[in-house]
Amino acid sequence: MVNRTSRSGDVIGSDQRIGAYDTLRSVTTWAAYQNFQEDTKGTLKVGKLADFVILDRNPLKVEPQALRELKVMETIKNGKTTYTAGDGP
C-alpha cells in the first residue's frame, strides 16, 4: 500500500499509494469498522481485544523502501506472547 511495487520491483499504481499511518489504520481501525467490530477491535483501548506485534523499528519513521526489512520482535495474542524473536526449533 505504501510502495505499491511488485516482487520484481515494478511500481504498480503509484498514484494509489498511501502513507504508512493510513496503511496501519486500514488493517486495524478501518477493518474493525468494516466488520462492525469497532466496539471490540481496531484500536488499543481498555476492554478491547488487542492482538499485536512489536517491531524492531517504528514503521512511521523508516523510509518507505525499508518497511519490508522490519523485523517482528514479539507477537501478542489474547494477552499472551505467542512469538519472541530468536524462538526456533
PDB file of N, CA and C in Angstrom:
ATOM      1  N   MET A   1       0.825  -1.192   0.000  1.00  0.00           N
ATOM      2  CA  MET A   1       0.000   0.000   0.000  1.00  0.00           C
ATOM      3  C   MET A   1       0.872   1.260   0.000  1.00  0.00           C
ATOM      4  N   VAL A   2       2.002   1.192   0.665  1.00  0.00           N
ATOM      5  CA  VAL A   2       2.877   2.352   0.742  1.00  0.00           C
ATOM      6  C   VAL A   2       3.732   2.459  -0.516  1.00  0.00           C
ATOM      7  N   ASN A   3       4.367   1.366  -0.890  1.00  0.00           N
ATOM      8  CA  ASN A   3       5.283   1.392  -2.030  1.00  0.00           C
ATOM      9  C   ASN A   3       4.635   0.993  -3.344  1.00  0.00           C
ATOM     10  N   ARG A   4       3.644   0.092  -3.289  1.00  0.00           N
ATOM     11  CA  ARG A   4       2.956  -0.389  -4.477  1.00  0.00           C
ATOM     12  C   ARG A   4       3.936  -0.919  -5.520  1.00  0.00           C
ATOM     13  N   THR A   5       4.792  -1.826  -5.093  1.00  0.00           N
ATOM     14  CA  THR A   5       5.743  -2.430  -6.020  1.00  0.00           C
ATOM     15  C   THR A   5       5.506  -3.930  -6.103  1.00  0.00           C
ATOM     16  N   SER A   6       5.795  -4.475  -7.273  1.00  0.00           N
ATOM     17  CA  SER A   6       5.673  -5.914  -7.478  1.00  0.00           C
ATOM     18  C   SER A   6       6.920  -6.610  -6.909  1.00  0.00           C
ATOM     19  N   ARG A   7       6.916  -7.926  -6.910  1.00  0.00           N
ATOM     20  CA  ARG A   7       8.085  -8.677  -6.448  1.00  0.00           C
ATOM     21  C   ARG A   7       9.323  -8.366  -7.266  1.00  0.00           C
ATOM     22  N   SER A   8       9.113  -8.049  -8.527  1.00  0.00           N
ATOM     23  CA  SER A   8      10.248  -7.737  -9.395  1.00  0.00           C
ATOM     24  C   SER A   8      10.686  -6.275  -9.280  1.00  0.00           C
ATOM     25  N   GLY A   9       9.961  -5.494  -8.478  1.00  0.00           N
ATOM     26  CA  GLY A   9      10.338  -4.106  -8.258  1.00  0.00           C
ATOM     27  C   GLY A   9       9.608  -3.099  -9.110  1.00  0.00           C
ATOM     28  N   ASP A  10       8.699  -3.552  -9.957  1.00  0.00           N
ATOM     29  CA  ASP A  10       7.924  -2.628 -10.779  1.00  0.00           C
ATOM     30  C   ASP A  10       6.896  -1.889  -9.926  1.00  0.00           C
ATOM     31  N   VAL A  11       6.766  -0.597 -10.143  1.00  0.00           N
ATOM     32  CA  VAL A  11       5.767   0.204  -9.434  1.00  0.00           C
ATOM     33  C   VAL A  11       4.411  -0.021 -10.089  1.00  0.00           C
ATOM     34  N   ILE A  12       3.411  -0.302  -9.257  1.00  0.00           N
ATOM     35  CA  ILE A  12       2.054  -0.561  -9.744  1.00  0.00           C
ATOM     36  C   ILE A  12       1.126   0.491  -9.145  1.00  0.00           C
ATOM     37  N   GLY A  13       0.614   1.372  -9.967  1.00  0.00           N
ATOM     38  CA  GLY A  13      -0.334   2.372  -9.479  1.00  0.00           C
ATOM     39  C   GLY A  13       0.254   3.339  -8.482  1.00  0.00           C
ATOM     40  N   SER A  14       1.311   4.031  -8.867  1.00  0.00           N
ATOM     41  CA  SER A  14       1.959   4.963  -7.939  1.00  0.00           C
ATOM     42  C   SER A  14       0.993   6.034  -7.432  1.00  0.00           C
ATOM     43  N   ASP A  15      -0.016   6.359  -8.227  1.00  0.00           N
ATOM     44  CA  ASP A  15      -0.998   7.366  -7.815  1.00  0.00           C
ATOM     45  C   ASP A  15      -1.965   6.834  -6.757  1.00  0.00           C
ATOM     46  N   GLN A  16      -1.876   5.538  -6.440  1.00  0.00           N
ATOM     47  CA  GLN A  16      -2.754   4.937  -5.446  1.00  0.00           C
ATOM     48  C   GLN A  16      -2.025   4.630  -4.137  1.00  0.00           C
ATOM     49  N   ARG A  17      -0.801   5.079  -3.992  1.00  0.00           N
ATOM     50  CA  ARG A  17      -0.044   4.871  -2.753  1.00  0.00           C
ATOM     51  C   ARG A  17      -0.695   5.648  -1.608  1.00  0.00           C
ATOM     52  N   ILE A  18      -0.573   5.069  -0.405  1.00  0.00           N
ATOM     53  CA  ILE A  18      -0.999   5.787   0.804  1.00  0.00           C
ATOM     54  C   ILE A  18       0.136   5.708   1.810  1.00  0.00           C
ATOM     55  N   GLY A  19       0.122   6.566   2.784  1.00  0.00           N
ATOM     56  CA  GLY A  19       1.177   6.617   3.787  1.00  0.00           C
ATOM     57  C   GLY A  19       1.121   5.443   4.759  1.00  0.00           C
ATOM     58  N   ALA A  20       2.197   5.286   5.510  1.00  0.00           N
ATOM     59  CA  ALA A  20       2.299   4.183   6.466  1.00  0.00           C
ATOM     60  C   ALA A  20       1.214   4.253   7.537  1.00  0.00           C
ATOM     61  N   TYR A  21       0.886   5.443   8.007  1.00  0.00           N
ATOM     62  CA  TYR A  21      -0.132   5.582   9.048  1.00  0.00           C
ATOM     63  C   TYR A  21      -1.493   5.106   8.548  1.00  0.00           C
ATOM     64  N   ASP A  22      -1.878   5.547   7.361  1.00  0.00           N
ATOM     65  CA  ASP A  22      -3.161   5.108   6.814  1.00  0.00           C
ATOM     66  C   ASP A  22      -3.138   3.623   6.477  1.00  0.00           C
ATOM     67  N   THR A  23      -1.997   3.100   6.100  1.00  0.00           N
ATOM     68  CA  THR A  23      -1.877   1.660   5.857  1.00  0.00           C
ATOM     69  C   THR A  23      -2.149   0.883   7.137  1.00  0.00           C
ATOM     70  N   LEU A  24      -1.555   1.310   8.245  1.00  0.00           N
ATOM     71  CA  LEU A  24      -1.801   0.648   9.533  1.00  0.00           C
ATOM     72  C   LEU A  24      -3.270   0.763   9.933  1.00  0.00           C
ATOM     73  N   ARG A  25      -3.853   1.909   9.725  1.00  0.00           N
ATOM     74  CA  ARG A  25      -5.270   2.092  10.063  1.00  0.00           C
ATOM     75  C   ARG A  25      -6.165   1.201   9.214  1.00  0.00           C
ATOM     76  N   SER A  26      -5.770   0.947   7.969  1.00  0.00           N
ATOM     77  CA  SER A  26      -6.611   0.130   7.085  1.00  0.00           C
ATOM     78  C   SER A  26      -6.711  -1.309   7.547  1.00  0.00           C
ATOM     79  N   VAL A  27      -5.704  -1.800   8.266  1.00  0.00           N
ATOM     80  CA  VAL A  27      -5.753  -3.189   8.740  1.00  0.00           C
ATOM     81  C   VAL A  27      -6.101  -3.280  10.227  1.00  0.00           C
ATOM     82  N   THR A  28      -6.392  -2.140  10.846  1.00  0.00           N
ATOM     83  CA  THR A  28      -6.771  -2.133  12.265  1.00  0.00           C
ATOM     84  C   THR A  28      -8.123  -1.442  12.429  1.00  0.00           C
ATOM     85  N   THR A  29      -8.102  -0.138  12.604  1.00  0.00           N
ATOM     86  CA  THR A  29      -9.304   0.640  12.870  1.00  0.00           C
ATOM     87  C   THR A  29     -10.356   0.484  11.779  1.00  0.00           C
ATOM     88  N   TRP A  30      -9.945   0.690  10.533  1.00  0.00           N
ATOM     89  CA  TRP A  30     -10.918   0.653   9.441  1.00  0.00           C
ATOM     90  C   TRP A  30     -11.416  -0.765   9.178  1.00  0.00           C
ATOM     91  N   ALA A  31     -10.564  -1.761   9.355  1.00  0.00           N
ATOM     92  CA  ALA A  31     -11.004  -3.150   9.160  1.00  0.00           C
ATOM     93  C   ALA A  31     -12.044  -3.527  10.214  1.00  0.00           C
ATOM     94  N   ALA A  32     -11.830  -3.116  11.456  1.00  0.00           N
ATOM     95  CA  ALA A  32     -12.805  -3.402  12.510  1.00  0.00           C
ATOM     96  C   ALA A  32     -14.139  -2.727  12.195  1.00  0.00           C
ATOM     97  N   TYR A  33     -14.074  -1.484  11.748  1.00  0.00           N
ATOM     98  CA  TYR A  33     -15.293  -0.755  11.395  1.00  0.00           C
ATOM     99  C   TYR A  33     -16.036  -1.453  10.254  1.00  0.00           C
ATOM    100  N   GLN A  34     -15.298  -1.883   9.242  1.00  0.00           N
ATOM    101  CA  GLN A  34     -15.909  -2.543   8.087  1.00  0.00           C
ATOM    102  C   GLN A  34     -16.645  -3.811   8.494  1.00  0.00           C
ATOM    103  N   ASN A  35     -16.155  -4.485   9.547  1.00  0.00           N
ATOM    104  CA  ASN A  35     -16.760  -5.728  10.007  1.00  0.00           C
ATOM    105  C   ASN A  35     -17.683  -5.521  11.212  1.00  0.00           C
ATOM    106  N   PHE A  36     -18.059  -4.266  11.467  1.00  0.00           N
ATOM    107  CA  PHE A  36     -18.955  -3.928  12.585  1.00  0.00           C
ATOM    108  C   PHE A  36     -18.404  -4.405  13.929  1.00  0.00           C
ATOM    109  N   GLN A  37     -17.078  -4.350  14.097  1.00  0.00           N
ATOM    110  CA  GLN A  37     -16.431  -4.812  15.323  1.00  0.00           C
ATOM    111  C   GLN A  37     -15.664  -3.691  16.022  1.00  0.00           C
ATOM    112  N   GLU A  38     -15.959  -2.446  15.685  1.00  0.00           N
ATOM    113  CA  GLU A  38     -15.205  -1.331  16.247  1.00  0.00           C
ATOM    114  C   GLU A  38     -15.360  -1.189  17.758  1.00  0.00           C
ATOM    115  N   ASP A  39     -16.387  -1.819  18.345  1.00  0.00           N
ATOM    116  CA  ASP A  39     -16.551  -1.766  19.799  1.00  0.00           C
ATOM    117  C   ASP A  39     -15.620  -2.736  20.518  1.00  0.00           C
ATOM    118  N   THR A  40     -15.093  -3.723  19.789  1.00  0.00           N
ATOM    119  CA  THR A  40     -14.250  -4.731  20.432  1.00  0.00           C
ATOM    120  C   THR A  40     -12.855  -4.856  19.832  1.00  0.00           C
ATOM    121  N   LYS A  41     -12.629  -4.271  18.660  1.00  0.00           N
ATOM    122  CA  LYS A  41     -11.342  -4.412  17.971  1.00  0.00           C
ATOM    123  C   LYS A  41     -10.958  -3.114  17.275  1.00  0.00           C
ATOM    124  N   GLY A  42      -9.722  -3.066  16.786  1.00  0.00           N
ATOM    125  CA  GLY A  42      -9.306  -1.991  15.899  1.00  0.00           C
ATOM    126  C   GLY A  42      -8.449  -0.907  16.506  1.00  0.00           C
ATOM    127  N   THR A  43      -8.596  -0.667  17.802  1.00  0.00           N
ATOM    128  CA  THR A  43      -7.774   0.328  18.488  1.00  0.00           C
ATOM    129  C   THR A  43      -7.366  -0.232  19.847  1.00  0.00           C
ATOM    130  N   LEU A  44      -6.294   0.327  20.406  1.00  0.00           N
ATOM    131  CA  LEU A  44      -5.856  -0.098  21.740  1.00  0.00           C
ATOM    132  C   LEU A  44      -6.621   0.711  22.780  1.00  0.00           C
ATOM    133  N   LYS A  45      -7.501   0.025  23.481  1.00  0.00           N
ATOM    134  CA  LYS A  45      -8.340   0.671  24.483  1.00  0.00           C
ATOM    135  C   LYS A  45      -8.746  -0.387  25.502  1.00  0.00           C
ATOM    136  N   VAL A  46      -8.838   0.001  26.758  1.00  0.00           N
ATOM    137  CA  VAL A  46      -9.239  -0.924  27.813  1.00  0.00           C
ATOM    138  C   VAL A  46     -10.558  -1.585  27.431  1.00  0.00           C
ATOM    139  N   GLY A  47     -10.593  -2.912  27.534  1.00  0.00           N
ATOM    140  CA  GLY A  47     -11.793  -3.669  27.238  1.00  0.00           C
ATOM    141  C   GLY A  47     -11.864  -4.217  25.823  1.00  0.00           C
ATOM    142  N   LYS A  48     -10.968  -3.759  24.939  1.00  0.00           N
ATOM    143  CA  LYS A  48     -10.961  -4.261  23.571  1.00  0.00           C
ATOM    144  C   LYS A  48      -9.931  -5.379  23.435  1.00  0.00           C
ATOM    145  N   LEU A  49     -10.154  -6.236  22.438  1.00  0.00           N
ATOM    146  CA  LEU A  49      -9.179  -7.268  22.112  1.00  0.00           C
ATOM    147  C   LEU A  49      -7.965  -6.583  21.505  1.00  0.00           C
ATOM    148  N   ALA A  50      -6.786  -7.099  21.817  1.00  0.00           N
ATOM    149  CA  ALA A  50      -5.580  -6.438  21.314  1.00  0.00           C
ATOM    150  C   ALA A  50      -4.526  -7.468  20.932  1.00  0.00           C
ATOM    151  N   ASP A  51      -4.622  -7.998  19.737  1.00  0.00           N
ATOM    152  CA  ASP A  51      -3.581  -8.843  19.185  1.00  0.00           C
ATOM    153  C   ASP A  51      -2.650  -7.911  18.417  1.00  0.00           C
ATOM    154  N   PHE A  52      -1.360  -7.979  18.692  1.00  0.00           N
ATOM    155  CA  PHE A  52      -0.445  -7.048  18.037  1.00  0.00           C
ATOM    156  C   PHE A  52       0.974  -7.590  18.001  1.00  0.00           C
ATOM    157  N   VAL A  53       1.821  -6.891  17.259  1.00  0.00           N
ATOM    158  CA  VAL A  53       3.231  -7.241  17.172  1.00  0.00           C
ATOM    159  C   VAL A  53       4.069  -6.069  17.652  1.00  0.00           C
ATOM    160  N   ILE A  54       5.261  -6.391  18.121  1.00  0.00           N
ATOM    161  CA  ILE A  54       6.251  -5.380  18.454  1.00  0.00           C
ATOM    162  C   ILE A  54       7.337  -5.504  17.385  1.00  0.00           C
ATOM    163  N   LEU A  55       7.618  -4.400  16.713  1.00  0.00           N
ATOM    164  CA  LEU A  55       8.597  -4.385  15.641  1.00  0.00           C
ATOM    165  C   LEU A  55       9.923  -3.818  16.125  1.00  0.00           C
ATOM    166  N   ASP A  56      10.981  -4.077  15.367  1.00  0.00           N
ATOM    167  CA  ASP A  56      12.301  -3.583  15.759  1.00  0.00           C
ATOM    168  C   ASP A  56      12.481  -2.089  15.510  1.00  0.00           C
ATOM    169  N   ARG A  57      11.625  -1.515  14.675  1.00  0.00           N
ATOM    170  CA  ARG A  57      11.679  -0.082  14.399  1.00  0.00           C
ATOM    171  C   ARG A  57      10.265   0.438  14.179  1.00  0.00           C
ATOM    172  N   ASN A  58      10.117   1.720  14.278  1.00  0.00           N
ATOM    173  CA  ASN A  58       8.816   2.371  14.100  1.00  0.00           C
ATOM    174  C   ASN A  58       8.507   2.474  12.609  1.00  0.00           C
ATOM    175  N   PRO A  59       7.454   1.813  12.123  1.00  0.00           N
ATOM    176  CA  PRO A  59       7.138   1.858  10.699  1.00  0.00           C
ATOM    177  C   PRO A  59       6.740   3.253  10.208  1.00  0.00           C
ATOM    178  N   LEU A  60       6.422   4.141  11.114  1.00  0.00           N
ATOM    179  CA  LEU A  60       6.056   5.503  10.725  1.00  0.00           C
ATOM    180  C   LEU A  60       7.278   6.390  10.540  1.00  0.00           C
ATOM    181  N   LYS A  61       8.452   5.892  10.944  1.00  0.00           N
ATOM    182  CA  LYS A  61       9.654   6.717  10.892  1.00  0.00           C
ATOM    183  C   LYS A  61      10.734   6.183   9.958  1.00  0.00           C
ATOM    184  N   VAL A  62      10.520   5.022   9.358  1.00  0.00           N
ATOM    185  CA  VAL A  62      11.516   4.492   8.419  1.00  0.00           C
ATOM    186  C   VAL A  62      11.149   4.923   7.005  1.00  0.00           C
ATOM    187  N   GLU A  63      12.133   4.898   6.134  1.00  0.00           N
ATOM    188  CA  GLU A  63      11.875   5.181   4.723  1.00  0.00           C
ATOM    189  C   GLU A  63      10.930   4.117   4.172  1.00  0.00           C
ATOM    190  N   PRO A  64      10.026   4.482   3.277  1.00  0.00           N
ATOM    191  CA  PRO A  64       9.073   3.509   2.737  1.00  0.00           C
ATOM    192  C   PRO A  64       9.732   2.234   2.203  1.00  0.00           C
ATOM    193  N   GLN A  65      10.879   2.356   1.547  1.00  0.00           N
ATOM    194  CA  GLN A  65      11.544   1.178   0.996  1.00  0.00           C
ATOM    195  C   GLN A  65      12.071   0.247   2.091  1.00  0.00           C
ATOM    196  N   ALA A  66      12.235   0.748   3.306  1.00  0.00           N
ATOM    197  CA  ALA A  66      12.758  -0.059   4.415  1.00  0.00           C
ATOM    198  C   ALA A  66      11.658  -0.814   5.161  1.00  0.00           C
ATOM    199  N   LEU A  67      10.396  -0.574   4.843  1.00  0.00           N
ATOM    200  CA  LEU A  67       9.300  -1.241   5.552  1.00  0.00           C
ATOM    201  C   LEU A  67       9.406  -2.763   5.471  1.00  0.00           C
ATOM    202  N   ARG A  68       9.801  -3.270   4.334  1.00  0.00           N
ATOM    203  CA  ARG A  68       9.882  -4.722   4.164  1.00  0.00           C
ATOM    204  C   ARG A  68      11.004  -5.340   4.993  1.00  0.00           C
ATOM    205  N   GLU A  69      11.899  -4.521   5.513  1.00  0.00           N
ATOM    206  CA  GLU A  69      13.015  -5.012   6.316  1.00  0.00           C
ATOM    207  C   GLU A  69      12.711  -5.034   7.815  1.00  0.00           C
ATOM    208  N   LEU A  70      11.555  -4.516   8.219  1.00  0.00           N
ATOM    209  CA  LEU A  70      11.212  -4.509   9.641  1.00  0.00           C
ATOM    210  C   LEU A  70      11.138  -5.943  10.155  1.00  0.00           C
ATOM    211  N   LYS A  71      11.587  -6.133  11.365  1.00  0.00           N
ATOM    212  CA  LYS A  71      11.582  -7.458  11.980  1.00  0.00           C
ATOM    213  C   LYS A  71      10.557  -7.494  13.108  1.00  0.00           C
ATOM    214  N   VAL A  72       9.815  -8.593  13.177  1.00  0.00           N
ATOM    215  CA  VAL A  72       8.876  -8.811  14.272  1.00  0.00           C
ATOM    216  C   VAL A  72       9.680  -9.310  15.472  1.00  0.00           C
ATOM    217  N   MET A  73       9.616  -8.583  16.573  1.00  0.00           N
ATOM    218  CA  MET A  73      10.347  -8.952  17.781  1.00  0.00           C
ATOM    219  C   MET A  73       9.490  -9.801  18.720  1.00  0.00           C
ATOM    220  N   GLU A  74       8.176  -9.530  18.708  1.00  0.00           N
ATOM    221  CA  GLU A  74       7.271 -10.272  19.592  1.00  0.00           C
ATOM    222  C   GLU A  74       5.860 -10.187  19.027  1.00  0.00           C
ATOM    223  N   THR A  75       5.095 -11.261  19.215  1.00  0.00           N
ATOM    224  CA  THR A  75       3.694 -11.290  18.831  1.00  0.00           C
ATOM    225  C   THR A  75       2.876 -11.591  20.082  1.00  0.00           C
ATOM    226  N   ILE A  76       1.827 -10.822  20.283  1.00  0.00           N
ATOM    227  CA  ILE A  76       0.974 -10.985  21.454  1.00  0.00           C
ATOM    228  C   ILE A  76      -0.454 -11.212  20.974  1.00  0.00           C
ATOM    229  N   LYS A  77      -1.058 -12.289  21.464  1.00  0.00           N
ATOM    230  CA  LYS A  77      -2.430 -12.647  21.096  1.00  0.00           C
ATOM    231  C   LYS A  77      -3.177 -13.017  22.366  1.00  0.00           C
ATOM    232  N   ASN A  78      -4.361 -12.455  22.523  1.00  0.00           N
ATOM    233  CA  ASN A  78      -5.176 -12.698  23.726  1.00  0.00           C
ATOM    234  C   ASN A  78      -4.388 -12.445  25.005  1.00  0.00           C
ATOM    235  N   GLY A  79      -3.531 -11.428  24.984  1.00  0.00           N
ATOM    236  CA  GLY A  79      -2.776 -11.049  26.175  1.00  0.00           C
ATOM    237  C   GLY A  79      -1.572 -11.913  26.487  1.00  0.00           C
ATOM    238  N   LYS A  80      -1.246 -12.866  25.611  1.00  0.00           N
ATOM    239  CA  LYS A  80      -0.116 -13.757  25.846  1.00  0.00           C
ATOM    240  C   LYS A  80       0.869 -13.700  24.687  1.00  0.00           C
ATOM    241  N   THR A  81       2.139 -13.726  25.001  1.00  0.00           N
ATOM    242  CA  THR A  81       3.159 -13.756  23.965  1.00  0.00           C
ATOM    243  C   THR A  81       3.117 -15.103  23.261  1.00  0.00           C
ATOM    244  N   THR A  82       2.997 -15.065  21.937  1.00  0.00           N
ATOM    245  CA  THR A  82       2.966 -16.300  21.148  1.00  0.00           C
ATOM    246  C   THR A  82       4.244 -16.484  20.336  1.00  0.00           C
ATOM    247  N   TYR A  83       5.040 -15.412  20.215  1.00  0.00           N
ATOM    248  CA  TYR A  83       6.297 -15.487  19.486  1.00  0.00           C
ATOM    249  C   TYR A  83       7.240 -14.454  20.042  1.00  0.00           C
ATOM    250  N   THR A  84       8.502 -14.828  20.176  1.00  0.00           N
ATOM    251  CA  THR A  84       9.563 -13.896  20.524  1.00  0.00           C
ATOM    252  C   THR A  84      10.704 -14.138  19.547  1.00  0.00           C
ATOM    253  N   ALA A  85      11.285 -13.070  19.018  1.00  0.00           N
ATOM    254  CA  ALA A  85      12.399 -13.209  18.082  1.00  0.00           C
ATOM    255  C   ALA A  85      13.483 -14.064  18.725  1.00  0.00           C
ATOM    256  N   GLY A  86      14.015 -14.958  17.957  1.00  0.00           N
ATOM    257  CA  GLY A  86      15.023 -15.868  18.480  1.00  0.00           C
ATOM    258  C   GLY A  86      14.440 -17.218  18.838  1.00  0.00           C
ATOM    259  N   ASP A  87      13.104 -17.304  18.967  1.00  0.00           N
ATOM    260  CA  ASP A  87      12.462 -18.609  19.183  1.00  0.00           C
ATOM    261  C   ASP A  87      12.694 -19.439  17.942  1.00  0.00           C
ATOM    262  N   GLY A  88      12.841 -20.666  18.101  1.00  0.00           N
ATOM    263  CA  GLY A  88      13.015 -21.511  16.934  1.00  0.00           C
ATOM    264  C   GLY A  88      13.117 -22.972  17.324  1.00  0.00           C
ATOM    265  N   PRO A  89      13.316 -23.804  16.325  1.00  0.00           N
ATOM    266  CA  PRO A  89      13.377 -25.250  16.599  1.00  0.00           C
ATOM    267  C   PRO A  89      14.566 -25.633  17.450  1.00  0.00           C
TER     268      PRO A  89
END
